[in-house]
Amino acid sequence: MAGRPRVRYDEKVSRILALALLLSITVWAQQPKPQSQEPAEEDESLVPKTYTFNPLQADKELTIGNYYFKKKNYRAAAKRFTEATRWNPNYAEAYLRLGEAQEKLHDKDQAKEAYTKYVQLAPDAKNADSIKKKLSAK
């Protein structure tokens, strides 16, 4: 040990920190640089949703709408019932429930439209006469 110069503790710490800094700079420099991404042609959230006949999705939307209706969240229920009618345009029950939700929201025009579609789709339903009476009263 007599031939080697004695290094102080502070110098060792300084050298270790310098090596760590050099290593981190080297690793950082080797990281791939993010390339400038071109903005998307269209924002996908702005593209209108396309609906195809999907009775399973319509049933799901109706079930969720019924849940919201029971919770007295009529706006959310109406949205779900509308979605159900888009997935299955001939889903009479969805139009009936949509009419009921729109009535609760005091939107008589939308309720009338939904009830009219319901009566067109299910003219022989048990409650068709009472719905027709509602329509004639409005």
Protein backbone atom coordinates (compact mmCIF):
# COMPACT_ATOMS: atom_id res chain seq x y z
CA MET A 1 0.00 0.00 0.00
CA ALA A 2 2.94 2.26 0.34
CA GLY A 3 3.31 2.65 -3.45
CA ARG A 4 -0.28 3.72 -4.09
CA PRO A 5 -1.34 7.24 -3.27
CA ARG A 6 -3.96 7.38 -0.59
CA VAL A 7 -7.36 8.67 -1.86
CA ARG A 8 -9.56 10.44 0.55
CA TYR A 9 -13.14 9.36 1.19
CA ASP A 10 -14.56 12.59 -0.29
CA GLU A 11 -12.64 12.03 -3.50
CA LYS A 12 -14.03 8.48 -3.78
CA VAL A 13 -17.57 9.76 -3.40
CA SER A 14 -16.93 12.47 -5.97
CA ARG A 15 -15.56 9.94 -8.45
CA ILE A 16 -18.53 7.59 -7.91
CA LEU A 17 -20.99 10.44 -8.44
CA ALA A 18 -19.14 11.55 -11.55
CA LEU A 19 -19.22 8.01 -12.96
CA ALA A 20 -22.92 7.68 -12.14
CA LEU A 21 -23.64 10.98 -13.88
CA LEU A 22 -21.60 9.95 -16.90
CA LEU A 23 -23.40 6.61 -17.06
CA SER A 24 -26.85 8.19 -16.80
CA ILE A 25 -25.97 10.73 -19.54
CA THR A 26 -24.78 7.88 -21.76
CA VAL A 27 -27.96 5.88 -21.19
CA TRP A 28 -30.12 8.95 -21.77
CA ALA A 29 -28.25 9.77 -24.99
CA GLN A 30 -28.88 6.25 -26.30
CA GLN A 31 -32.64 6.46 -25.73
CA PRO A 32 -34.58 6.74 -28.98
CA LYS A 33 -35.78 10.27 -29.50
CA PRO A 34 -39.53 10.70 -29.90
CA GLN A 35 -40.22 11.47 -33.49
CA SER A 36 -42.51 14.32 -34.24
CA GLN A 37 -45.83 12.69 -34.86
CA GLU A 38 -48.04 14.16 -37.48
CA PRO A 39 -51.45 15.04 -36.18
CA ALA A 40 -54.11 12.53 -37.07
CA GLU A 41 -56.25 13.32 -40.07
CA GLU A 42 -59.33 13.17 -37.89
CA ASP A 43 -59.88 12.82 -34.21
CA GLU A 44 -61.55 9.43 -33.82
CA SER A 45 -63.78 10.73 -31.04
CA LEU A 46 -65.32 13.15 -33.55
CA VAL A 47 -66.10 10.46 -36.11
CA PRO A 48 -69.77 9.48 -35.85
CA LYS A 49 -70.38 6.01 -34.49
CA THR A 50 -71.68 3.57 -37.06
CA TYR A 51 -74.44 1.27 -35.93
CA THR A 52 -75.16 -2.12 -37.40
CA PHE A 53 -77.90 -4.49 -36.37
CA ASN A 54 -76.78 -5.90 -33.02
CA PRO A 55 -79.64 -7.19 -30.86
CA LEU A 56 -77.29 -8.28 -28.08
CA GLN A 57 -75.91 -4.76 -27.73
CA ALA A 58 -79.46 -3.39 -27.88
CA ASP A 59 -80.49 -5.70 -25.01
CA LYS A 60 -77.47 -4.60 -23.02
CA GLU A 61 -78.31 -0.92 -23.55
CA LEU A 62 -81.95 -1.56 -22.56
CA THR A 63 -80.88 -3.34 -19.36
CA ILE A 64 -78.55 -0.51 -18.41
CA GLY A 65 -81.27 2.02 -19.27
CA ASN A 66 -83.72 0.20 -16.99
CA TYR A 67 -81.15 0.39 -14.19
CA TYR A 68 -80.81 4.15 -14.63
CA PHE A 69 -84.58 4.54 -14.87
CA LYS A 70 -85.04 2.76 -11.52
CA LYS A 71 -82.39 5.07 -10.04
CA LYS A 72 -84.45 8.03 -11.36
CA ASN A 73 -81.60 9.14 -13.63
CA TYR A 74 -83.94 9.66 -16.57
CA ARG A 75 -81.43 11.50 -18.77
CA ALA A 76 -78.97 8.58 -18.65
CA ALA A 77 -81.82 6.12 -19.13
CA ALA A 78 -83.07 7.99 -22.20
CA LYS A 79 -79.58 7.97 -23.66
CA ARG A 80 -79.30 4.20 -23.19
CA PHE A 81 -82.76 3.57 -24.64
CA THR A 82 -81.83 5.70 -27.65
CA GLU A 83 -78.65 3.65 -28.08
CA ALA A 84 -80.76 0.47 -27.96
CA THR A 85 -82.97 1.79 -30.77
CA ARG A 86 -79.89 2.53 -32.85
CA TRP A 87 -78.49 -0.98 -32.43
CA ASN A 88 -81.90 -2.48 -33.21
CA PRO A 89 -84.27 -0.06 -34.98
CA ASN A 90 -87.19 -2.50 -34.62
CA TYR A 91 -86.89 -2.92 -30.86
CA ALA A 92 -90.37 -1.93 -29.71
CA GLU A 93 -89.65 -2.18 -25.98
CA ALA A 94 -86.74 0.26 -26.31
CA TYR A 95 -89.06 2.82 -27.91
CA LEU A 96 -91.63 2.30 -25.15
CA ARG A 97 -89.03 2.80 -22.43
CA LEU A 98 -87.58 5.80 -24.30
CA GLY A 99 -91.05 7.37 -24.37
CA GLU A 100 -91.44 6.82 -20.63
CA ALA A 101 -88.03 8.36 -19.91
CA GLN A 102 -88.75 11.35 -22.13
CA GLU A 103 -92.07 11.83 -20.32
CA LYS A 104 -90.22 11.92 -17.00
CA LEU A 105 -87.89 14.53 -18.52
CA HIS A 106 -90.96 16.57 -19.58
CA ASP A 107 -89.97 16.35 -23.24
CA LYS A 108 -93.40 15.75 -24.72
CA ASP A 109 -92.32 15.94 -28.36
CA GLN A 110 -89.63 13.29 -27.99
CA ALA A 111 -91.96 11.12 -25.89
CA LYS A 112 -94.65 11.37 -28.55
CA GLU A 113 -92.17 10.41 -31.25
CA ALA A 114 -90.98 7.37 -29.29
CA TYR A 115 -94.52 6.25 -28.43
CA THR A 116 -95.58 6.63 -32.07
CA LYS A 117 -92.72 4.39 -33.18
CA TYR A 118 -93.64 1.89 -30.45
CA VAL A 119 -97.24 1.69 -31.64
CA GLN A 120 -96.04 1.23 -35.23
CA LEU A 121 -93.77 -1.63 -34.23
CA ALA A 122 -96.13 -3.32 -31.74
CA PRO A 123 -99.73 -2.48 -32.69
CA ASP A 124 -101.05 -5.62 -30.97
CA ALA A 125 -99.20 -5.14 -27.69
CA LYS A 126 -101.20 -5.30 -24.45
CA ASN A 127 -100.57 -1.63 -23.67
CA ALA A 128 -100.91 -0.37 -27.26
CA ASP A 129 -104.40 1.02 -26.60
CA SER A 130 -103.28 2.98 -23.53
CA ILE A 131 -100.31 4.37 -25.49
CA LYS A 132 -102.64 5.38 -28.32
CA LYS A 133 -104.82 7.18 -25.78
CA LYS A 134 -101.74 9.00 -24.46
CA LEU A 135 -100.84 10.02 -27.99
CA SER A 136 -104.34 11.30 -28.77
CA ALA A 137 -104.39 13.26 -25.49
CA LYS A 138 -101.12 14.98 -26.35
